[in-house]
Amino acid sequence: MTLAAKPIPRVLSRPQLLLGAEREPVLIAALLFGGVAVASMTIIAWVVCGGLWALALMIFQWVAKFDPQFSKVYVRNLRYRSHYPAFSRPYRKT
């Protein structure tokens, strides 16, 4: 008895993007730059923070083209860094 091959619908496997970039970094950057702009209460700070947020958004969009889940993969890599060395060592004592 074999299992029937059914395709996975694209809706279920599509990454969650916001403004073309990964959702969490965009919202964190908006909160950070928005908080700095509101706390300083000057027009110059609003313009600078708006420009920095736009730059961060462009960088996040560029990264999302390569990997839509880059931040989650990177955080997982940081968590497991001590378990898996960057290169194999056949002579290493275990």
N, C-alpha and C. Protein backbone atom coordinates (compact mmCIF):
# COMPACT_ATOMS: atom_id res chain seq x y z
N MET A 1 0.84 -1.18 0.00
CA MET A 1 0.00 0.00 0.00
C MET A 1 0.89 1.24 0.00
N THR A 2 0.72 2.09 -0.98
CA THR A 2 1.53 3.30 -1.08
C THR A 2 0.66 4.51 -0.79
N LEU A 3 1.32 5.52 -0.30
CA LEU A 3 0.61 6.77 -0.02
C LEU A 3 0.50 7.59 -1.29
N ALA A 4 -0.64 8.21 -1.46
CA ALA A 4 -0.83 9.06 -2.63
C ALA A 4 -0.07 10.37 -2.42
N ALA A 5 0.64 10.79 -3.44
CA ALA A 5 1.39 12.04 -3.37
C ALA A 5 0.44 13.20 -3.61
N LYS A 6 0.33 14.06 -2.61
CA LYS A 6 -0.53 15.24 -2.74
C LYS A 6 0.36 16.47 -2.62
N PRO A 7 0.17 17.43 -3.49
CA PRO A 7 0.99 18.64 -3.42
C PRO A 7 0.61 19.49 -2.20
N ILE A 8 1.59 20.16 -1.65
CA ILE A 8 1.35 21.06 -0.53
C ILE A 8 0.88 22.40 -1.09
N PRO A 9 -0.27 22.90 -0.64
CA PRO A 9 -0.75 24.19 -1.16
C PRO A 9 0.23 25.32 -0.85
N ARG A 10 0.42 26.23 -1.78
CA ARG A 10 1.36 27.34 -1.60
C ARG A 10 0.96 28.24 -0.45
N VAL A 11 -0.34 28.33 -0.19
CA VAL A 11 -0.81 29.20 0.87
C VAL A 11 -0.28 28.74 2.22
N LEU A 12 -0.14 27.46 2.41
CA LEU A 12 0.31 26.93 3.70
C LEU A 12 1.82 27.01 3.88
N SER A 13 2.58 27.14 2.82
CA SER A 13 4.03 27.15 2.94
C SER A 13 4.66 28.50 2.58
N ARG A 14 3.84 29.52 2.37
CA ARG A 14 4.36 30.84 2.01
C ARG A 14 4.90 31.55 3.25
N PRO A 15 6.05 32.21 3.16
CA PRO A 15 6.60 32.91 4.33
C PRO A 15 5.79 34.18 4.64
N GLN A 16 5.77 34.56 5.91
CA GLN A 16 5.05 35.76 6.32
C GLN A 16 5.95 36.97 6.11
N LEU A 17 5.63 37.78 5.11
CA LEU A 17 6.41 38.97 4.81
C LEU A 17 5.56 40.21 5.04
N LEU A 18 6.20 41.28 5.43
CA LEU A 18 5.55 42.57 5.63
C LEU A 18 6.35 43.60 4.85
N LEU A 19 5.72 44.26 3.91
CA LEU A 19 6.37 45.24 3.03
C LEU A 19 7.52 44.60 2.25
N GLY A 20 7.40 43.33 1.95
CA GLY A 20 8.39 42.63 1.15
C GLY A 20 9.58 42.11 1.93
N ALA A 21 9.54 42.27 3.25
CA ALA A 21 10.65 41.80 4.09
C ALA A 21 10.09 40.94 5.21
N GLU A 22 10.99 40.34 5.95
CA GLU A 22 10.55 39.49 7.05
C GLU A 22 9.83 40.32 8.11
N ARG A 23 8.79 39.78 8.68
CA ARG A 23 7.88 40.52 9.52
C ARG A 23 8.52 41.05 10.80
N GLU A 24 9.19 40.21 11.55
CA GLU A 24 9.71 40.59 12.86
C GLU A 24 10.79 41.68 12.80
N PRO A 25 11.80 41.57 11.93
CA PRO A 25 12.79 42.66 11.87
C PRO A 25 12.20 44.00 11.44
N VAL A 26 11.21 43.98 10.55
CA VAL A 26 10.59 45.23 10.10
C VAL A 26 9.87 45.89 11.27
N LEU A 27 9.12 45.12 12.03
CA LEU A 27 8.38 45.68 13.16
C LEU A 27 9.32 46.15 14.28
N ILE A 28 10.39 45.41 14.51
CA ILE A 28 11.36 45.82 15.54
C ILE A 28 12.05 47.12 15.13
N ALA A 29 12.43 47.23 13.86
CA ALA A 29 13.08 48.45 13.39
C ALA A 29 12.11 49.63 13.44
N ALA A 30 10.85 49.41 13.08
CA ALA A 30 9.85 50.49 13.15
C ALA A 30 9.65 50.94 14.59
N LEU A 31 9.59 50.00 15.52
CA LEU A 31 9.44 50.34 16.92
C LEU A 31 10.65 51.09 17.45
N LEU A 32 11.83 50.65 17.08
CA LEU A 32 13.06 51.30 17.54
C LEU A 32 13.18 52.72 17.00
N PHE A 33 13.08 52.87 15.69
CA PHE A 33 13.25 54.20 15.10
C PHE A 33 12.07 55.12 15.44
N GLY A 34 10.87 54.55 15.52
CA GLY A 34 9.72 55.35 15.93
C GLY A 34 9.85 55.82 17.37
N GLY A 35 10.34 54.97 18.25
CA GLY A 35 10.53 55.37 19.64
C GLY A 35 11.58 56.45 19.79
N VAL A 36 12.65 56.35 19.04
CA VAL A 36 13.70 57.38 19.10
C VAL A 36 13.16 58.70 18.57
N ALA A 37 12.40 58.65 17.50
CA ALA A 37 11.85 59.88 16.91
C ALA A 37 10.85 60.54 17.86
N VAL A 38 10.00 59.77 18.48
CA VAL A 38 9.01 60.34 19.40
C VAL A 38 9.69 60.85 20.67
N ALA A 39 10.70 60.16 21.14
CA ALA A 39 11.38 60.59 22.36
C ALA A 39 12.16 61.89 22.16
N SER A 40 12.71 62.11 20.97
CA SER A 40 13.51 63.32 20.74
C SER A 40 12.64 64.52 20.40
N MET A 41 11.48 64.29 19.76
CA MET A 41 10.50 65.34 19.46
C MET A 41 11.06 66.51 18.64
N THR A 42 11.92 66.23 17.67
CA THR A 42 12.39 67.26 16.75
C THR A 42 12.15 66.79 15.32
N ILE A 43 12.02 67.75 14.44
CA ILE A 43 11.80 67.44 13.02
C ILE A 43 13.01 66.71 12.44
N ILE A 44 14.20 67.12 12.84
CA ILE A 44 15.42 66.51 12.31
C ILE A 44 15.46 65.03 12.71
N ALA A 45 15.10 64.73 13.95
CA ALA A 45 15.10 63.33 14.40
C ALA A 45 14.06 62.52 13.63
N TRP A 46 12.90 63.11 13.34
CA TRP A 46 11.88 62.40 12.56
C TRP A 46 12.41 62.07 11.17
N VAL A 47 13.08 63.03 10.54
CA VAL A 47 13.59 62.81 9.19
C VAL A 47 14.72 61.77 9.21
N VAL A 48 15.63 61.88 10.16
CA VAL A 48 16.75 60.94 10.25
C VAL A 48 16.24 59.53 10.56
N CYS A 49 15.34 59.41 11.51
CA CYS A 49 14.80 58.09 11.86
C CYS A 49 13.99 57.50 10.72
N GLY A 50 13.25 58.34 10.00
CA GLY A 50 12.51 57.86 8.83
C GLY A 50 13.45 57.36 7.75
N GLY A 51 14.54 58.08 7.51
CA GLY A 51 15.52 57.65 6.53
C GLY A 51 16.22 56.37 6.94
N LEU A 52 16.58 56.26 8.22
CA LEU A 52 17.23 55.03 8.70
C LEU A 52 16.27 53.84 8.63
N TRP A 53 14.98 54.07 8.93
CA TRP A 53 14.02 52.97 8.83
C TRP A 53 13.85 52.54 7.38
N ALA A 54 13.82 53.50 6.46
CA ALA A 54 13.72 53.16 5.03
C ALA A 54 14.95 52.38 4.58
N LEU A 55 16.12 52.76 5.05
CA LEU A 55 17.34 52.03 4.71
C LEU A 55 17.30 50.61 5.29
N ALA A 56 16.87 50.50 6.54
CA ALA A 56 16.76 49.17 7.15
C ALA A 56 15.74 48.32 6.41
N LEU A 57 14.65 48.92 5.96
CA LEU A 57 13.64 48.18 5.22
C LEU A 57 14.20 47.68 3.89
N MET A 58 14.99 48.51 3.21
CA MET A 58 15.61 48.07 1.96
C MET A 58 16.57 46.91 2.20
N ILE A 59 17.33 46.97 3.29
CA ILE A 59 18.26 45.88 3.61
C ILE A 59 17.49 44.61 3.93
N PHE A 60 16.40 44.73 4.70
CA PHE A 60 15.59 43.56 5.03
C PHE A 60 14.93 42.96 3.80
N GLN A 61 14.51 43.79 2.86
CA GLN A 61 13.93 43.29 1.62
C GLN A 61 14.98 42.56 0.79
N TRP A 62 16.19 43.09 0.76
CA TRP A 62 17.28 42.46 0.02
C TRP A 62 17.60 41.09 0.61
N VAL A 63 17.64 41.01 1.95
CA VAL A 63 17.92 39.74 2.61
C VAL A 63 16.78 38.75 2.37
N ALA A 64 15.53 39.23 2.37
CA ALA A 64 14.38 38.34 2.19
C ALA A 64 14.34 37.72 0.80
N LYS A 65 14.98 38.34 -0.17
CA LYS A 65 15.04 37.73 -1.51
C LYS A 65 15.90 36.46 -1.48
N PHE A 66 16.92 36.44 -0.63
CA PHE A 66 17.78 35.26 -0.54
C PHE A 66 17.17 34.20 0.38
N ASP A 67 16.66 34.63 1.54
CA ASP A 67 16.07 33.68 2.49
C ASP A 67 14.98 34.39 3.27
N PRO A 68 13.70 34.06 3.03
CA PRO A 68 12.61 34.75 3.72
C PRO A 68 12.56 34.50 5.22
N GLN A 69 13.30 33.53 5.73
CA GLN A 69 13.32 33.26 7.16
C GLN A 69 14.73 33.40 7.73
N PHE A 70 15.45 34.39 7.26
CA PHE A 70 16.86 34.53 7.61
C PHE A 70 17.06 34.75 9.11
N SER A 71 16.27 35.61 9.73
CA SER A 71 16.51 35.92 11.14
C SER A 71 16.28 34.70 12.03
N LYS A 72 15.27 33.90 11.73
CA LYS A 72 15.02 32.70 12.53
C LYS A 72 16.14 31.68 12.35
N VAL A 73 16.63 31.54 11.13
CA VAL A 73 17.73 30.61 10.88
C VAL A 73 19.00 31.10 11.58
N TYR A 74 19.24 32.41 11.56
CA TYR A 74 20.44 32.96 12.18
C TYR A 74 20.39 32.81 13.70
N VAL A 75 19.23 33.05 14.30
CA VAL A 75 19.11 32.89 15.75
C VAL A 75 19.30 31.43 16.15
N ARG A 76 18.76 30.51 15.36
CA ARG A 76 18.96 29.08 15.64
C ARG A 76 20.44 28.72 15.50
N ASN A 77 21.11 29.31 14.52
CA ASN A 77 22.54 29.06 14.34
C ASN A 77 23.33 29.54 15.57
N LEU A 78 22.96 30.69 16.11
CA LEU A 78 23.65 31.19 17.30
C LEU A 78 23.43 30.28 18.50
N ARG A 79 22.24 29.72 18.61
CA ARG A 79 21.93 28.85 19.73
C ARG A 79 22.73 27.55 19.69
N TYR A 80 22.93 27.00 18.48
CA TYR A 80 23.61 25.72 18.33
C TYR A 80 25.10 25.85 18.00
N ARG A 81 25.64 27.04 18.05
CA ARG A 81 27.03 27.25 17.66
C ARG A 81 28.01 26.43 18.50
N SER A 82 27.74 26.30 19.78
CA SER A 82 28.68 25.56 20.63
C SER A 82 28.59 24.05 20.39
N HIS A 83 27.47 23.55 19.87
CA HIS A 83 27.31 22.12 19.65
C HIS A 83 27.98 21.64 18.36
N TYR A 84 27.94 22.46 17.34
CA TYR A 84 28.46 22.05 16.04
C TYR A 84 29.58 22.99 15.61
N PRO A 85 30.81 22.50 15.54
CA PRO A 85 31.89 23.37 15.09
C PRO A 85 31.74 23.73 13.61
N ALA A 86 32.39 24.80 13.19
CA ALA A 86 32.26 25.29 11.83
C ALA A 86 32.86 24.33 10.81
N PHE A 87 33.81 23.51 11.22
CA PHE A 87 34.41 22.55 10.30
C PHE A 87 34.62 21.24 11.05
N SER A 88 34.70 20.18 10.33
CA SER A 88 34.85 18.88 10.97
C SER A 88 36.31 18.64 11.34
N ARG A 89 36.49 17.91 12.40
CA ARG A 89 37.83 17.56 12.85
C ARG A 89 37.86 16.06 13.11
N PRO A 90 38.40 15.29 12.17
CA PRO A 90 38.40 13.83 12.37
C PRO A 90 39.32 13.39 13.52
N TYR A 91 40.28 14.22 13.87
CA TYR A 91 41.23 13.85 14.91
C TYR A 91 40.78 14.32 16.30
N ARG A 92 39.64 14.96 16.39
CA ARG A 92 39.18 15.51 17.66
C ARG A 92 38.73 14.39 18.60
N LYS A 93 39.12 14.51 19.86
CA LYS A 93 38.72 13.52 20.86
C LYS A 93 37.30 13.84 21.33
N THR A 94 36.49 12.82 21.40
CA THR A 94 35.10 13.03 21.86
C THR A 94 34.88 12.42 23.22
